[in-house]
Amino acid sequence: MPDDESLLREQARAAGMPLRYPERMWGGPGAGEPCTVCKRPITKDELELEIQFARADGAMPRLDKFHLHVRCFAAWELERSKFRP
């Protein structure tokens, strides 16, 4: 993961994730999925957060899922908080 917080927050902005609070959030050991923010795998020795957003595309509702390192989630949360009403 990048050491520079400003770089990580820039990556979080560029990830294209919704700017609202997720409908669901899960945590546990990583399963090797790439992090949505930094693109590095989340190893079994790291904590992975999966956040889910409901989306309705016409008649087919679905969940968008994002896998994040804890630090990457924090960077996204800081960026998201800038847009709260």
Protein backbone atom coordinates (compact mmCIF):
# COMPACT_ATOMS: atom_id res chain seq x y z
CA MET A 1 0.00 0.00 0.00
CA PRO A 2 1.23 3.51 -0.66
CA ASP A 3 2.83 5.14 2.37
CA ASP A 4 1.81 8.62 1.34
CA GLU A 5 -1.68 9.40 2.67
CA SER A 6 -2.33 12.05 0.03
CA LEU A 7 -1.60 9.50 -2.73
CA LEU A 8 -3.91 6.96 -1.09
CA ARG A 9 -6.70 9.53 -0.82
CA GLU A 10 -6.19 10.44 -4.48
CA GLN A 11 -6.51 6.75 -5.39
CA ALA A 12 -9.67 6.55 -3.26
CA ARG A 13 -11.21 9.47 -5.20
CA ALA A 14 -10.26 7.87 -8.51
CA ALA A 15 -11.71 4.45 -7.57
CA GLY A 16 -15.21 5.56 -8.61
CA MET A 17 -16.97 4.20 -5.54
CA PRO A 18 -20.28 5.76 -4.45
CA LEU A 19 -20.05 8.70 -2.06
CA ARG A 20 -22.78 7.47 0.28
CA TYR A 21 -22.64 5.15 3.25
CA PRO A 22 -22.73 1.48 2.16
CA GLU A 23 -25.84 -0.63 2.73
CA ARG A 24 -23.72 -3.50 4.07
CA MET A 25 -20.20 -3.93 5.35
CA TRP A 26 -18.35 -7.14 6.23
CA GLY A 27 -14.89 -7.76 7.60
CA GLY A 28 -12.57 -10.72 7.90
CA PRO A 29 -9.27 -12.15 6.75
CA GLY A 30 -8.30 -11.27 3.20
CA ALA A 31 -8.98 -13.77 0.44
CA GLY A 32 -6.52 -12.47 -2.15
CA GLU A 33 -9.00 -10.14 -3.87
CA PRO A 34 -7.50 -6.93 -5.25
CA CYS A 35 -8.25 -3.80 -3.23
CA THR A 36 -10.55 -1.42 -5.10
CA VAL A 37 -8.45 1.57 -4.04
CA CYS A 38 -4.77 0.52 -4.20
CA LYS A 39 -5.21 -2.51 -6.52
CA ARG A 40 -2.94 -4.71 -4.37
CA PRO A 41 -4.18 -8.13 -3.20
CA ILE A 42 -5.61 -8.32 0.31
CA THR A 43 -3.73 -11.23 1.84
CA LYS A 44 -5.02 -13.68 4.44
CA ASP A 45 -2.77 -11.95 7.00
CA GLU A 46 -4.60 -8.65 6.46
CA LEU A 47 -8.10 -7.56 7.41
CA GLU A 48 -10.38 -7.11 4.40
CA LEU A 49 -13.51 -4.98 4.39
CA GLU A 50 -16.17 -5.73 1.79
CA ILE A 51 -18.64 -2.92 1.34
CA GLN A 52 -21.84 -3.27 -0.66
CA PHE A 53 -24.08 -0.71 -2.32
CA ALA A 54 -27.58 -1.45 -3.60
CA ARG A 55 -28.19 -0.33 -7.16
CA ALA A 56 -31.34 -0.49 -9.22
CA ASP A 57 -30.75 -0.73 -12.95
CA GLY A 58 -34.22 -0.78 -14.41
CA ALA A 59 -36.07 -3.85 -13.15
CA MET A 60 -32.90 -5.62 -11.91
CA PRO A 61 -31.71 -4.49 -8.47
CA ARG A 62 -28.21 -5.63 -7.59
CA LEU A 63 -25.31 -5.10 -5.20
CA ASP A 64 -22.03 -3.48 -6.16
CA LYS A 65 -19.26 -4.97 -4.01
CA PHE A 66 -15.89 -3.44 -3.20
CA HIS A 67 -12.97 -5.10 -1.37
CA LEU A 68 -10.70 -2.81 0.65
CA HIS A 69 -7.74 -2.82 3.01
CA VAL A 70 -8.65 -1.08 6.28
CA ARG A 71 -6.32 1.82 5.48
CA CYS A 72 -7.80 2.17 1.99
CA PHE A 73 -11.32 2.17 3.47
CA ALA A 74 -10.25 4.96 5.84
CA ALA A 75 -8.91 7.01 2.91
CA TRP A 76 -12.19 6.52 0.99
CA GLU A 77 -14.21 7.42 4.11
CA LEU A 78 -12.23 10.65 4.54
CA GLU A 79 -12.81 11.57 0.90
CA ARG A 80 -16.49 10.58 1.08
CA SER A 81 -17.00 12.73 4.18
CA LYS A 82 -16.11 15.84 2.15
CA PHE A 83 -19.36 15.39 0.22
CA ARG A 84 -21.79 14.86 3.09
CA PRO A 85 -24.59 17.44 3.19
